[in-house]
Amino acid sequence: MQRAPLPSHLPPSFTVTDARAVGVSPSRLRAQDLDAPYWGTRTREELDGMERVRLLLSAVPEHAFLCGPTAALAWRLPLPRTKAALALTEPVIGVPLPANRIRRPGIRGRALPVEPEEIVVCDGMRCTSPERTWVDLAHILDLPSLVAVADRMLARRDPLVTRDELEAAHRRAGRARGAVARAECLELAADGSESPRESELRVLLILAGLPAPELNVEIFHGHRFVARVDMLYRRQRLIVEYDGDHHRDPHQWSLDQVRRADLESLGFRVTIVTARDFDDPGRLVARIRRLLAA
C-alpha cells in the first residue's frame, strides 16, 4: 500500500503535534519511513547528536531547558568522552522548581532551583547559562575536567564568562553539591590554556606539588619569532608540550622537529606529553619533577 505523502511544508524533522495540526494521520505517523528519536517526535532523515537534542526541545514544554552535561555540549565545552556520549544519548532536560521533572524514555529529567537570568538561549536552544552549567557540572566531573571547562569559559581568545561571573555563580550556589570542587577549581582555573588536555596536565602537575607553569608563551630570538609553547618553566628553561593526534601527520611531525631543534639550540629543554602519558599520571609527574630538578 502506497504511503500518503507528507505535506511539502512540513520540515524533515518535526513534532507529532505539528504534524497532526496540518492533517497528518496517526497511522501515517507510525509508518516505517519515519524515525521517532524521542516521544512526540518524527524525522525523515538521520540526525546527529545535537540535531536530535534540538528536535527534542521542540517537543517538550516551553519552560524546559538543557542543563548539566547536555547544556555543556550546547556551549561547546569540553567533557570526558564517556560523559559527552551519554549527554547526547540521554539528554538532560531541566525544568524550574516547583514544576515536576519531565519523565520520558531516553531523557534524564531534572527539576532545578534556577533564577530567570540563569536560563538563556544558545544556538537557538534554551539552556542554562555557562556559569550555571559549570555549577551543575561540579558534582559530576573530576577536578581536572572541571578546570578544563572553566579554562574554556575564561579563554582569552573567546571568553564565555569573566572570572567575577564564575565566582558570583559559585557564591549563589552556596553549599550545594560540588561546592568544594568549585572552590578548588576557581583557585586553579586560568585564561591561558588552549586545550582540555593542557588544562588537565597543568592541574595534574600543580596537585602533585609542582610549580604552576606559564601558559602559551611566545619565544623570540632577538626580534625573530621562534615558537609559541604550551607550558614554560622559565627559570629551568623547560618547555612542556602536549601533542594531540594531529601531530602524527608526517608533515606536522617534520615541522615539530624543526621547531624543537630551534628551541633546543636556544638552550631550552623540550619534553612532549601525549594522551598515553595520562594512563600513568604518577610516572608523568615524576618525569617532569626530574626535569625541573636537573
Protein backbone atom coordinates (compact mmCIF):
# COMPACT_ATOMS: atom_id res chain seq x y z
CA MET A 1 0.00 0.00 0.00
CA GLN A 2 1.47 3.35 -1.05
CA ARG A 3 2.09 5.78 1.79
CA ALA A 4 0.37 9.14 1.67
CA PRO A 5 2.93 11.91 1.04
CA LEU A 6 3.67 14.23 3.91
CA PRO A 7 2.81 17.92 3.43
CA SER A 8 5.60 19.63 1.47
CA HIS A 9 5.86 22.44 4.01
CA LEU A 10 6.47 20.00 6.89
CA PRO A 11 10.22 20.04 7.69
CA PRO A 12 12.25 16.80 7.60
CA SER A 13 12.16 16.65 11.42
CA PHE A 14 9.04 17.65 13.29
CA THR A 15 6.86 17.06 16.32
CA VAL A 16 3.79 14.87 16.25
CA THR A 17 1.75 17.87 17.42
CA ASP A 18 2.86 19.95 14.42
CA ALA A 19 2.16 17.08 12.03
CA ARG A 20 -1.33 16.48 13.39
CA ALA A 21 -2.04 20.21 13.12
CA VAL A 22 -1.53 20.05 9.34
CA GLY A 23 -3.65 16.93 8.89
CA VAL A 24 -1.17 14.05 9.08
CA SER A 25 -2.98 10.93 10.31
CA PRO A 26 -1.85 8.84 13.30
CA SER A 27 -1.34 5.82 11.02
CA ARG A 28 0.94 7.85 8.70
CA LEU A 29 2.99 8.92 11.72
CA ARG A 30 3.50 5.24 12.56
CA ALA A 31 4.88 4.41 9.10
CA GLN A 32 8.31 2.80 8.89
CA ASP A 33 9.83 5.60 6.81
CA LEU A 34 9.69 7.86 9.87
CA ASP A 35 12.05 7.52 12.82
CA ALA A 36 10.96 8.51 16.33
CA PRO A 37 14.11 9.70 18.17
CA TYR A 38 12.04 10.69 21.22
CA TRP A 39 8.43 10.52 22.32
CA GLY A 40 6.39 13.02 20.31
CA THR A 41 8.96 13.49 17.53
CA ARG A 42 9.45 12.17 14.00
CA THR A 43 12.18 12.56 11.38
CA ARG A 44 12.70 11.58 7.76
CA GLU A 45 16.48 11.99 7.91
CA GLU A 46 19.40 10.79 10.00
CA LEU A 47 20.21 13.31 12.73
CA ASP A 48 23.45 13.84 14.58
CA GLY A 49 23.52 14.15 18.37
CA MET A 50 22.80 17.87 18.78
CA GLU A 51 20.22 17.86 15.97
CA ARG A 52 18.33 15.17 17.88
CA VAL A 53 18.56 17.28 21.04
CA ARG A 54 17.27 20.32 19.15
CA LEU A 55 14.30 18.27 17.91
CA LEU A 56 13.65 17.03 21.44
CA LEU A 57 13.49 20.60 22.78
CA SER A 58 10.75 21.40 20.28
CA ALA A 59 8.63 18.59 21.75
CA VAL A 60 8.96 19.35 25.48
CA PRO A 61 7.14 22.12 27.37
CA GLU A 62 8.30 25.67 26.70
CA HIS A 63 9.66 26.08 30.23
CA ALA A 64 12.08 23.14 29.78
CA PHE A 65 15.77 23.68 29.04
CA LEU A 66 19.05 21.84 28.53
CA CYS A 67 21.17 21.55 31.66
CA GLY A 68 24.21 19.75 33.04
CA PRO A 69 26.39 17.92 30.50
CA THR A 70 23.92 18.42 27.63
CA ALA A 71 23.99 22.20 28.17
CA ALA A 72 27.79 21.93 28.26
CA LEU A 73 27.77 20.40 24.77
CA ALA A 74 25.47 23.18 23.53
CA TRP A 75 28.09 25.68 24.74
CA ARG A 76 30.84 23.51 23.16
CA LEU A 77 32.52 22.94 26.50
CA PRO A 78 34.97 20.05 26.82
CA LEU A 79 33.69 16.92 28.54
CA PRO A 80 35.25 13.48 29.06
CA ARG A 81 34.31 11.28 26.12
CA THR A 82 32.01 8.93 28.02
CA LYS A 83 30.08 11.78 29.65
CA ALA A 84 29.75 13.60 26.31
CA ALA A 85 28.34 10.46 24.67
CA LEU A 86 25.81 9.93 27.48
CA ALA A 87 24.79 13.60 27.35
CA LEU A 88 23.65 13.04 23.75
CA THR A 89 22.12 9.58 24.02
CA GLU A 90 20.25 10.52 27.21
CA PRO A 91 19.87 14.33 27.14
CA VAL A 92 19.49 16.10 30.47
CA ILE A 93 16.38 18.28 30.39
CA GLY A 94 15.60 20.61 33.28
CA VAL A 95 12.53 22.47 34.44
CA PRO A 96 12.40 25.18 37.12
CA LEU A 97 11.07 24.19 40.51
CA PRO A 98 8.32 23.71 41.61
CA ALA A 99 7.44 22.12 38.25
CA ASN A 100 7.69 18.34 38.08
CA ARG A 101 10.62 16.92 36.18
CA ILE A 102 9.95 15.51 32.72
CA ARG A 103 9.62 11.73 32.65
CA ARG A 104 10.03 10.29 29.16
CA PRO A 105 12.04 7.40 27.71
CA GLY A 106 15.57 8.39 26.72
CA ILE A 107 15.59 11.60 28.80
CA ARG A 108 17.11 12.39 32.16
CA GLY A 109 14.73 14.89 33.71
CA ARG A 110 15.72 17.39 36.42
CA ALA A 111 13.71 19.89 38.48
CA LEU A 112 16.12 22.64 39.49
CA PRO A 113 16.08 25.83 41.54
CA VAL A 114 17.05 28.39 38.88
CA GLU A 115 16.88 32.15 38.57
CA PRO A 116 15.35 33.60 35.38
CA GLU A 117 18.72 35.02 34.27
CA GLU A 118 20.28 31.54 34.51
CA ILE A 119 18.20 30.33 31.53
CA VAL A 120 19.41 31.72 28.22
CA VAL A 121 19.34 30.83 24.52
CA CYS A 122 22.41 29.22 22.95
CA ASP A 123 22.34 28.48 19.23
CA GLY A 124 18.55 28.66 19.28
CA MET A 125 18.18 26.28 22.28
CA ARG A 126 17.07 27.14 25.79
CA CYS A 127 19.73 26.07 28.26
CA THR A 128 21.44 27.04 31.48
CA SER A 129 23.94 29.89 31.24
CA PRO A 130 27.63 28.95 31.01
CA GLU A 131 28.32 29.77 34.66
CA ARG A 132 25.23 27.89 35.89
CA THR A 133 26.22 24.95 33.68
CA TRP A 134 29.66 24.97 35.36
CA VAL A 135 27.96 24.89 38.78
CA ASP A 136 25.87 21.87 37.75
CA LEU A 137 28.91 20.04 36.37
CA ALA A 138 30.89 20.44 39.61
CA HIS A 139 29.49 17.32 41.27
CA ILE A 140 29.78 15.01 38.24
CA LEU A 141 33.28 15.85 36.90
CA ASP A 142 36.67 15.20 38.47
CA LEU A 143 38.69 18.31 39.30
CA PRO A 144 40.96 18.32 36.20
CA SER A 145 37.93 18.01 33.90
CA LEU A 146 36.07 20.76 35.77
CA VAL A 147 39.10 23.05 35.47
CA ALA A 148 39.23 22.32 31.74
CA VAL A 149 35.62 23.54 31.50
CA ALA A 150 36.41 26.71 33.48
CA ASP A 151 39.55 27.35 31.41
CA ARG A 152 37.49 27.19 28.21
CA MET A 153 34.96 29.62 29.65
CA LEU A 154 37.70 32.08 30.60
CA ALA A 155 39.80 31.63 27.43
CA ARG A 156 41.47 34.84 26.30
CA ARG A 157 40.56 34.35 22.64
CA ASP A 158 36.84 33.67 23.06
CA PRO A 159 35.68 34.00 26.67
CA LEU A 160 32.16 32.92 27.62
CA VAL A 161 32.27 34.43 31.11
CA THR A 162 34.51 36.51 33.34
CA ARG A 163 36.15 35.22 36.48
CA ASP A 164 33.89 37.53 38.50
CA GLU A 165 30.84 35.88 36.94
CA LEU A 166 32.12 32.40 37.79
CA GLU A 167 32.83 33.47 41.37
CA ALA A 168 29.36 35.02 41.66
CA ALA A 169 27.77 31.78 40.42
CA HIS A 170 29.80 29.86 43.00
CA ARG A 171 28.55 32.14 45.79
CA ARG A 172 24.92 31.86 44.64
CA ALA A 173 25.14 28.06 44.64
CA GLY A 174 26.32 28.12 48.26
CA ARG A 175 26.85 24.72 49.82
CA ALA A 176 25.07 22.79 47.08
CA ARG A 177 26.74 19.63 45.84
CA GLY A 178 30.13 20.29 44.31
CA ALA A 179 30.92 23.32 46.49
CA VAL A 180 34.40 22.07 47.42
CA ALA A 181 35.23 21.20 43.81
CA ARG A 182 34.03 24.62 42.64
CA ALA A 183 36.22 26.41 45.18
CA GLU A 184 39.28 24.36 44.20
CA CYS A 185 38.51 24.91 40.53
CA LEU A 186 38.45 28.69 40.96
CA GLU A 187 41.91 28.51 42.54
CA LEU A 188 43.27 26.53 39.57
CA ALA A 189 41.42 27.98 36.57
CA ALA A 190 43.42 30.09 34.12
CA ASP A 191 42.59 32.02 30.97
CA GLY A 192 45.78 30.99 29.13
CA SER A 193 45.05 27.34 28.45
CA GLU A 194 44.03 26.47 24.89
CA SER A 195 43.02 22.82 25.08
CA PRO A 196 41.38 20.50 27.62
CA ARG A 197 44.48 18.30 27.81
CA GLU A 198 46.66 21.32 28.56
CA SER A 199 44.31 22.19 31.42
CA GLU A 200 44.28 18.65 32.79
CA LEU A 201 48.07 18.41 32.57
CA ARG A 202 48.54 21.70 34.40
CA VAL A 203 46.19 20.64 37.21
CA LEU A 204 47.92 17.28 37.49
CA LEU A 205 51.30 18.98 37.94
CA ILE A 206 50.05 21.56 40.45
CA LEU A 207 48.18 19.00 42.55
CA ALA A 208 51.40 16.96 42.68
CA GLY A 209 53.13 19.93 44.29
CA LEU A 210 54.98 21.21 41.24
CA PRO A 211 55.00 24.93 40.44
CA ALA A 212 52.44 26.33 38.00
CA PRO A 213 53.93 26.81 34.53
CA GLU A 214 53.43 29.84 32.31
CA LEU A 215 50.89 29.11 29.59
CA ASN A 216 51.15 29.54 25.81
CA VAL A 217 54.27 31.67 25.88
CA GLU A 218 55.79 33.17 22.74
CA ILE A 219 59.53 32.55 22.40
CA PHE A 220 61.69 35.00 20.42
CA HIS A 221 65.34 35.03 19.37
CA GLY A 222 66.01 38.72 19.19
CA HIS A 223 63.16 40.03 17.04
CA ARG A 224 62.58 36.67 15.35
CA PHE A 225 59.54 34.69 16.47
CA VAL A 226 60.56 31.09 17.18
CA ALA A 227 57.54 29.32 18.69
CA ARG A 228 54.51 29.55 20.90
CA VAL A 229 54.85 26.85 23.54
CA ASP A 230 52.13 25.23 25.63
CA MET A 231 53.87 25.45 29.02
CA LEU A 232 57.09 27.06 30.13
CA TYR A 233 59.14 26.81 33.31
CA ARG A 234 61.21 29.88 32.55
CA ARG A 235 63.86 29.61 35.27
CA GLN A 236 64.58 25.97 34.46
CA ARG A 237 64.25 26.67 30.69
CA LEU A 238 61.92 23.68 30.44
CA ILE A 239 59.15 23.55 27.85
CA VAL A 240 56.29 21.06 28.24
CA GLU A 241 54.24 20.44 25.10
CA TYR A 242 51.06 18.39 24.73
CA ASP A 243 50.87 16.72 21.32
CA GLY A 244 47.43 15.56 20.21
CA ASP A 245 46.67 13.16 17.37
CA HIS A 246 47.15 15.78 14.63
CA HIS A 247 50.87 15.76 15.43
CA ARG A 248 51.02 12.26 13.92
CA ASP A 249 50.63 13.74 10.45
CA PRO A 250 54.02 13.35 8.68
CA HIS A 251 54.13 16.98 7.57
CA GLN A 252 53.20 18.23 11.05
CA TRP A 253 55.75 15.88 12.62
CA SER A 254 58.50 17.31 10.42
CA LEU A 255 57.53 20.86 11.37
CA ASP A 256 57.55 19.84 15.04
CA GLN A 257 61.09 18.51 14.78
CA VAL A 258 62.38 21.72 13.17
CA ARG A 259 60.63 23.76 15.84
CA ARG A 260 62.02 21.61 18.64
CA ALA A 261 65.56 21.79 17.26
CA ASP A 262 65.27 25.57 17.06
CA LEU A 263 64.16 25.79 20.70
CA GLU A 264 66.90 23.44 21.89
CA SER A 265 69.50 25.50 20.01
CA LEU A 266 68.44 28.43 22.21
CA GLY A 267 69.10 26.46 25.38
CA PHE A 268 65.57 25.21 26.12
CA ARG A 269 64.76 21.63 27.01
CA VAL A 270 61.57 20.26 25.47
CA THR A 271 59.51 17.34 26.77
CA ILE A 272 56.48 16.02 24.91
CA VAL A 273 53.34 14.71 26.61
CA THR A 274 50.77 12.60 24.74
CA ALA A 275 47.44 11.05 25.64
CA ARG A 276 49.18 7.81 26.59
CA ASP A 277 51.07 9.62 29.38
CA PHE A 278 47.76 10.16 31.19
CA ASP A 279 47.45 6.37 31.58
CA ASP A 280 50.12 6.60 34.30
CA PRO A 281 49.92 10.08 35.86
CA GLY A 282 52.41 9.23 38.61
CA ARG A 283 55.07 8.34 36.08
CA LEU A 284 54.36 11.52 34.10
CA VAL A 285 54.65 13.73 37.20
CA ALA A 286 57.90 12.02 38.23
CA ARG A 287 59.35 12.72 34.80
CA ILE A 288 58.52 16.43 34.95
CA ARG A 289 59.80 16.59 38.51
CA ARG A 290 63.15 15.11 37.46
CA LEU A 291 63.43 17.55 34.57
CA LEU A 292 62.73 20.50 36.85
CA ALA A 293 65.34 19.32 39.34
CA ALA A 294 68.03 18.65 36.73
